Amino acid sequence: MNILRTPDSRFENLTDWPFKPHYTPITDATTGQSLRLACVDEGPRDGPTVLLMHGEPTWSYLYRHIIPQLVALGYRVLAPDLIGFGRSDKPADRSDYTYERHVAWLSTWLTAMDLRGITLFCQDWGGLLGLRLVAAFPERFARVIASNTGLPVGTPVSAGFMQWLAYSQSTTDLPVGQIVAMGVTRKLSREEIEAYDAPFPDASYKAGACQFPTLVPITPQHASVAENQAAWRVLSGFDKPFVTAFSDNDPVTRGGDLAFQERIPGAKDQAHVTLKGGHFLQEDSPDDIVALLAGARKRNSAA
């Protein structure tokens, strides 16, 4: 693999972003090469652990209004950047990105960090990957909040996703900041849009962002259908608290919360919510997400 690394200067003086990166070396099982995975890691090390997972084409900046509030409540908050995004390393070839490779990279990171008692909040690809981690290491997770995401197994998806897939493959230089701006209901500032563009100095850094939409297993012929089916079998026995918090204005994932509510035992009798916002609802409803994370833990601790 030819591995690119975004210069640190691209992340200087970003609006509302005081957080320092923590890096974990990840060895790729295929090539033996080392990749650097970046993560925000804030709050007391002995505090209850919250794992915030972003999707495509964002990075941990998506959680900038959520992280400090959770830290103030005593949580240890981790927000990793997926390989190919944020401050993490970026393989330069689209063929370097596969669903299973990402699961393996994240599994290596999770076990290296030895995280336990995790409350997971996952959105978009943060769910496609995060829920695979839950299925692989259910003993490490205490509760899950799934938002605007899914775990596809080769069946048809929404017209909204198909439109996104077609658009994403029409250019090799995705306007990342503008894409995020179009996926929220509030208006992002110029500085916020630039912060979403920061990880990508030019189009050569966007191989992952361009490839990710094609990796979603939406036909029986897609890779990772069998692996996701196996993950569903584990999740169908997951009886720890599982809450859905989809938004009211996302054409890509609308209605996807029902599959989780119907199939996962831990979703029964939970206080599922619909939050205000677009696809990237972390931008639209950060305070509600904080309240949901804190409230879910209190409710389940008292149960």
Protein backbone atom coordinates (compact mmCIF):
# COMPACT_ATOMS: atom_id res chain seq x y z
CA MET A 1 0.00 0.00 0.00
CA ASN A 2 1.00 3.56 -0.67
CA ILE A 3 -0.01 5.30 2.56
CA LEU A 4 -0.66 9.05 2.76
CA ARG A 5 -0.59 11.06 5.96
CA THR A 6 -2.33 14.44 6.18
CA PRO A 7 0.08 17.14 7.42
CA ASP A 8 -0.57 18.25 11.00
CA SER A 9 -0.77 21.84 9.79
CA ARG A 10 -4.13 21.06 8.18
CA PHE A 11 -5.64 20.58 11.65
CA GLU A 12 -4.33 23.73 13.29
CA ASN A 13 -6.79 26.35 14.54
CA LEU A 14 -9.93 24.50 13.48
CA THR A 15 -13.05 26.09 14.92
CA ASP A 16 -14.32 24.40 18.12
CA TRP A 17 -11.59 21.76 17.97
CA PRO A 18 -9.17 21.86 20.95
CA PHE A 19 -8.63 18.09 21.12
CA LYS A 20 -5.24 16.42 20.79
CA PRO A 21 -4.92 13.22 18.75
CA HIS A 22 -3.85 9.91 20.24
CA TYR A 23 -2.30 7.47 17.79
CA THR A 24 -2.36 3.68 17.72
CA PRO A 25 -0.24 1.68 15.22
CA ILE A 26 -2.29 -0.93 13.36
CA THR A 27 -0.60 -3.73 11.42
CA ASP A 28 -2.39 -4.66 8.22
CA ALA A 29 -2.75 -8.44 8.09
CA THR A 30 -2.39 -8.59 4.30
CA THR A 31 0.69 -6.47 3.70
CA GLY A 32 2.29 -6.35 7.14
CA GLN A 33 2.46 -2.57 6.89
CA SER A 34 1.76 -0.30 9.83
CA LEU A 35 -1.06 2.22 9.70
CA ARG A 36 -1.57 4.99 12.23
CA LEU A 37 -5.12 5.29 13.59
CA ALA A 38 -5.96 8.59 15.28
CA CYS A 39 -8.42 8.94 18.13
CA VAL A 40 -9.70 11.65 20.44
CA ASP A 41 -9.43 10.27 23.99
CA GLU A 42 -10.76 12.70 26.59
CA GLY A 43 -11.97 12.45 30.17
CA PRO A 44 -10.97 10.33 33.19
CA ARG A 45 -9.46 6.95 32.32
CA ASP A 46 -11.55 5.34 35.05
CA GLY A 47 -14.79 6.95 33.90
CA PRO A 48 -17.51 5.04 32.06
CA THR A 49 -16.46 4.63 28.43
CA VAL A 50 -18.36 6.17 25.52
CA LEU A 51 -17.25 5.28 21.99
CA LEU A 52 -18.39 7.71 19.27
CA MET A 53 -18.05 6.38 15.73
CA HIS A 54 -18.34 8.54 12.64
CA GLY A 55 -19.11 7.53 9.08
CA GLU A 56 -18.62 8.66 5.49
CA PRO A 57 -17.14 11.18 4.61
CA THR A 58 -16.75 12.79 8.04
CA TRP A 59 -14.27 12.42 10.90
CA SER A 60 -14.31 12.82 14.66
CA TYR A 61 -14.86 16.57 14.19
CA LEU A 62 -18.52 15.56 13.83
CA TYR A 63 -18.60 15.04 17.63
CA ARG A 64 -16.93 18.31 18.68
CA HIS A 65 -20.06 19.61 20.47
CA ILE A 66 -20.73 16.27 22.16
CA ILE A 67 -17.29 15.30 23.50
CA PRO A 68 -16.82 18.16 26.02
CA GLN A 69 -20.32 17.78 27.44
CA LEU A 70 -19.79 14.08 28.10
CA VAL A 71 -16.37 14.72 29.63
CA ALA A 72 -17.96 17.29 31.96
CA LEU A 73 -20.33 14.54 33.09
CA GLY A 74 -17.40 12.30 34.03
CA TYR A 75 -17.22 10.05 30.96
CA ARG A 76 -14.13 8.84 29.18
CA VAL A 77 -14.91 9.66 25.54
CA LEU A 78 -13.19 8.08 22.56
CA ALA A 79 -13.82 9.21 18.99
CA PRO A 80 -11.59 7.39 16.50
CA ASP A 81 -10.99 8.47 12.92
CA LEU A 82 -11.53 5.59 10.51
CA ILE A 83 -8.54 4.70 8.35
CA GLY A 84 -8.82 6.96 5.30
CA PHE A 85 -10.44 9.78 7.23
CA GLY A 86 -9.56 12.53 9.71
CA ARG A 87 -6.04 12.37 11.12
CA SER A 88 -5.71 8.62 10.49
CA ASP A 89 -3.51 7.32 7.68
CA LYS A 90 -4.99 7.13 4.20
CA PRO A 91 -4.10 4.35 1.76
CA ALA A 92 -3.94 5.98 -1.66
CA ASP A 93 -5.59 3.27 -3.79
CA ARG A 94 -9.32 2.60 -3.73
CA SER A 95 -8.64 -1.14 -3.90
CA ASP A 96 -6.94 -0.89 -0.50
CA TYR A 97 -10.35 -0.26 1.10
CA THR A 98 -12.62 -3.21 1.85
CA TYR A 99 -15.34 -3.69 4.44
CA GLU A 100 -13.56 -6.61 6.08
CA ARG A 101 -10.23 -4.81 6.16
CA HIS A 102 -11.85 -1.96 8.06
CA VAL A 103 -13.43 -4.39 10.52
CA ALA A 104 -10.03 -5.96 11.06
CA TRP A 105 -8.28 -2.61 11.55
CA LEU A 106 -10.88 -1.48 14.09
CA SER A 107 -10.84 -4.84 15.88
CA THR A 108 -7.08 -4.53 16.28
CA TRP A 109 -7.49 -1.02 17.66
CA LEU A 110 -10.29 -2.00 20.06
CA THR A 111 -8.39 -4.91 21.54
CA ALA A 112 -5.16 -2.90 21.75
CA MET A 113 -7.02 -0.25 23.75
CA ASP A 114 -8.65 -3.03 25.81
CA LEU A 115 -11.89 -1.09 26.09
CA ARG A 116 -14.68 -2.60 28.19
CA GLY A 117 -18.08 -1.55 29.47
CA ILE A 118 -18.50 0.49 26.29
CA THR A 119 -21.50 2.62 25.46
CA LEU A 120 -21.44 2.89 21.66
CA PHE A 121 -22.99 5.71 19.65
CA CYS A 122 -22.72 4.95 15.95
CA GLN A 123 -23.96 6.70 12.81
CA ASP A 124 -23.63 5.96 9.07
CA TRP A 125 -20.53 3.77 8.47
CA GLY A 126 -19.87 4.12 12.18
CA GLY A 127 -22.76 1.69 12.54
CA LEU A 128 -21.85 -0.61 9.66
CA LEU A 129 -18.48 -1.03 11.35
CA GLY A 130 -19.37 -0.43 14.99
CA LEU A 131 -22.11 -3.04 15.00
CA ARG A 132 -19.67 -5.54 13.56
CA LEU A 133 -17.46 -4.82 16.57
CA VAL A 134 -20.42 -5.41 18.88
CA ALA A 135 -21.05 -8.75 17.18
CA ALA A 136 -17.38 -9.72 17.37
CA PHE A 137 -16.85 -8.57 20.98
CA PRO A 138 -20.28 -8.46 22.66
CA GLU A 139 -18.69 -8.86 26.07
CA ARG A 140 -16.95 -5.48 25.69
CA PHE A 141 -20.16 -3.49 25.09
CA ALA A 142 -22.62 -2.44 27.79
CA ARG A 143 -25.15 -0.65 25.57
CA VAL A 144 -25.61 0.63 22.03
CA ILE A 145 -27.27 3.68 20.52
CA ALA A 146 -27.66 3.34 16.75
CA SER A 147 -28.40 6.41 14.66
CA ASN A 148 -29.00 6.81 10.90
CA THR A 149 -27.25 3.56 10.10
CA GLY A 150 -27.82 -0.07 9.19
CA LEU A 151 -26.24 -3.46 8.72
CA PRO A 152 -27.11 -4.42 5.12
CA VAL A 153 -27.15 -8.04 3.96
CA GLY A 154 -27.51 -7.74 0.19
CA THR A 155 -31.08 -6.52 0.01
CA PRO A 156 -32.42 -3.35 -1.66
CA VAL A 157 -31.86 -0.03 0.06
CA SER A 158 -33.46 3.41 -0.11
CA ALA A 159 -33.67 5.58 -3.19
CA GLY A 160 -31.79 8.20 -1.18
CA PHE A 161 -28.79 5.89 -0.81
CA MET A 162 -28.85 4.98 -4.50
CA GLN A 163 -28.77 8.66 -5.40
CA TRP A 164 -25.82 9.16 -3.06
CA LEU A 165 -24.03 6.15 -4.55
CA ALA A 166 -24.46 7.48 -8.10
CA TYR A 167 -23.29 10.95 -7.14
CA SER A 168 -20.28 9.71 -5.15
CA GLN A 169 -19.03 7.71 -8.12
CA SER A 170 -19.40 10.59 -10.56
CA THR A 171 -16.29 12.39 -9.29
CA THR A 172 -12.87 11.49 -7.88
CA ASP A 173 -12.71 14.75 -5.94
CA LEU A 174 -15.68 14.69 -3.59
CA PRO A 175 -16.51 18.11 -2.11
CA VAL A 176 -16.52 16.67 1.40
CA GLY A 177 -17.36 19.81 3.34
CA GLN A 178 -20.22 20.68 1.03
CA ILE A 179 -21.56 17.12 1.25
CA VAL A 180 -21.72 17.40 5.03
CA ALA A 181 -23.35 20.83 4.75
CA MET A 182 -26.06 19.38 2.50
CA GLY A 183 -26.70 16.58 5.02
CA VAL A 184 -27.66 18.80 7.96
CA THR A 185 -30.68 20.99 8.57
CA ARG A 186 -28.84 23.90 10.16
CA LYS A 187 -26.42 26.07 8.20
CA LEU A 188 -22.75 25.23 8.68
CA SER A 189 -20.30 28.12 8.79
CA ARG A 190 -17.52 28.47 6.25
CA GLU A 191 -15.03 27.51 8.98
CA GLU A 192 -16.94 24.33 9.82
CA ILE A 193 -17.09 23.31 6.16
CA GLU A 194 -13.35 23.91 5.87
CA ALA A 195 -12.76 21.72 8.93
CA TYR A 196 -14.49 18.81 7.20
CA ASP A 197 -12.25 19.40 4.19
CA ALA A 198 -9.11 19.61 6.34
CA PRO A 199 -8.16 15.89 6.22
CA PHE A 200 -8.00 15.96 2.41
CA PRO A 201 -5.34 18.32 0.99
CA ASP A 202 -6.21 17.15 -2.52
CA ALA A 203 -8.12 14.43 -4.35
CA SER A 204 -5.35 11.86 -3.86
CA TYR A 205 -6.28 11.66 -0.17
CA LYS A 206 -9.93 10.82 -0.91
CA ALA A 207 -9.63 7.20 -2.06
CA GLY A 208 -11.46 5.96 1.03
CA ALA A 209 -14.17 8.59 0.79
CA CYS A 210 -14.76 7.66 -2.84
CA GLN A 211 -14.69 3.90 -2.27
CA PHE A 212 -16.84 3.61 0.86
CA PRO A 213 -20.24 4.01 -0.86
CA THR A 214 -19.44 1.07 -3.16
CA LEU A 215 -18.67 -1.19 -0.19
CA VAL A 216 -22.18 -1.13 1.28
CA PRO A 217 -23.49 -4.69 0.64
CA ILE A 218 -26.74 -3.87 -1.18
CA THR A 219 -26.84 -6.88 -3.52
CA PRO A 220 -26.28 -10.61 -2.90
CA GLN A 221 -23.11 -10.34 -4.99
CA HIS A 222 -21.49 -7.77 -2.72
CA ALA A 223 -18.63 -8.78 -0.45
CA SER A 224 -19.39 -8.96 3.29
CA VAL A 225 -23.00 -10.17 2.92
CA ALA A 226 -22.19 -13.43 4.68
CA GLU A 227 -20.19 -11.66 7.38
CA ASN A 228 -23.05 -9.22 8.07
CA GLN A 229 -25.55 -12.08 8.18
CA ALA A 230 -23.34 -13.74 10.79
CA ALA A 231 -23.21 -10.47 12.74
CA TRP A 232 -27.02 -10.27 12.69
CA ARG A 233 -27.20 -13.75 14.19
CA VAL A 234 -25.14 -12.52 17.14
CA LEU A 235 -27.09 -9.28 17.44
CA SER A 236 -30.34 -11.24 17.39
CA GLY A 237 -29.24 -12.59 20.78
CA PHE A 238 -27.84 -9.30 22.13
CA ASP A 239 -29.92 -8.57 25.22
CA LYS A 240 -28.07 -5.54 26.55
CA PRO A 241 -29.75 -2.14 26.08
CA PHE A 242 -30.01 -1.19 22.41
CA VAL A 243 -31.59 2.17 21.58
CA THR A 244 -32.35 3.69 18.18
CA ALA A 245 -32.06 7.44 17.66
CA PHE A 246 -32.67 8.13 14.00
CA SER A 247 -33.38 11.61 12.68
CA ASP A 248 -36.59 12.96 11.20
CA ASN A 249 -35.03 14.26 7.98
CA ASP A 250 -32.72 11.65 6.50
CA PRO A 251 -33.79 10.18 3.13
CA VAL A 252 -30.91 7.68 3.21
CA THR A 253 -31.77 5.71 6.37
CA ARG A 254 -35.40 6.60 7.05
CA GLY A 255 -37.23 3.59 8.52
CA GLY A 256 -34.05 1.66 9.20
CA ASP A 257 -34.55 1.86 12.95
CA LEU A 258 -37.42 -0.63 12.78
CA ALA A 259 -35.14 -3.54 11.83
CA PHE A 260 -33.10 -3.03 15.00
CA GLN A 261 -36.17 -2.61 17.19
CA GLU A 262 -37.77 -5.78 15.84
CA ARG A 263 -34.73 -8.09 15.77
CA ILE A 264 -32.54 -7.21 18.74
CA PRO A 265 -33.76 -8.39 22.17
CA GLY A 266 -32.03 -5.50 23.94
CA ALA A 267 -34.18 -3.04 22.00
CA LYS A 268 -37.36 -4.26 23.66
CA ASP A 269 -38.96 -1.72 26.01
CA GLN A 270 -36.23 0.84 25.35
CA ALA A 271 -36.99 4.56 24.96
CA HIS A 272 -36.36 4.82 21.23
CA VAL A 273 -36.40 8.38 19.94
CA THR A 274 -36.57 10.36 16.72
CA LEU A 275 -34.26 13.37 16.83
CA LYS A 276 -34.35 16.55 14.78
CA GLY A 277 -31.86 16.72 11.98
CA GLY A 278 -30.52 15.51 8.68
CA HIS A 279 -28.23 12.59 7.96
CA PHE A 280 -25.42 14.07 10.09
CA LEU A 281 -27.65 14.66 13.08
CA GLN A 282 -24.68 15.17 15.40
CA GLU A 283 -24.57 18.66 13.88
CA ASP A 284 -28.27 19.27 14.42
CA SER A 285 -29.00 17.67 17.81
CA PRO A 286 -25.78 17.43 19.86
CA ASP A 287 -27.42 18.31 23.16
CA ASP A 288 -30.14 15.71 22.65
CA ILE A 289 -27.51 13.08 21.89
CA VAL A 290 -25.63 13.93 25.09
CA ALA A 291 -28.85 13.70 27.09
CA LEU A 292 -29.65 10.39 25.43
CA LEU A 293 -26.24 8.91 26.21
CA ALA A 294 -26.25 10.10 29.81
CA GLY A 295 -29.89 9.19 30.37
CA ALA A 296 -29.54 5.73 28.87
CA ARG A 297 -26.73 4.89 31.26
CA LYS A 298 -28.63 6.18 34.29
CA ARG A 299 -31.80 4.28 33.36
CA ASN A 300 -29.99 1.04 32.76
CA SER A 301 -27.80 1.39 35.84
CA ALA A 302 -30.92 1.76 37.95
CA ALA A 303 -32.69 -1.18 36.33
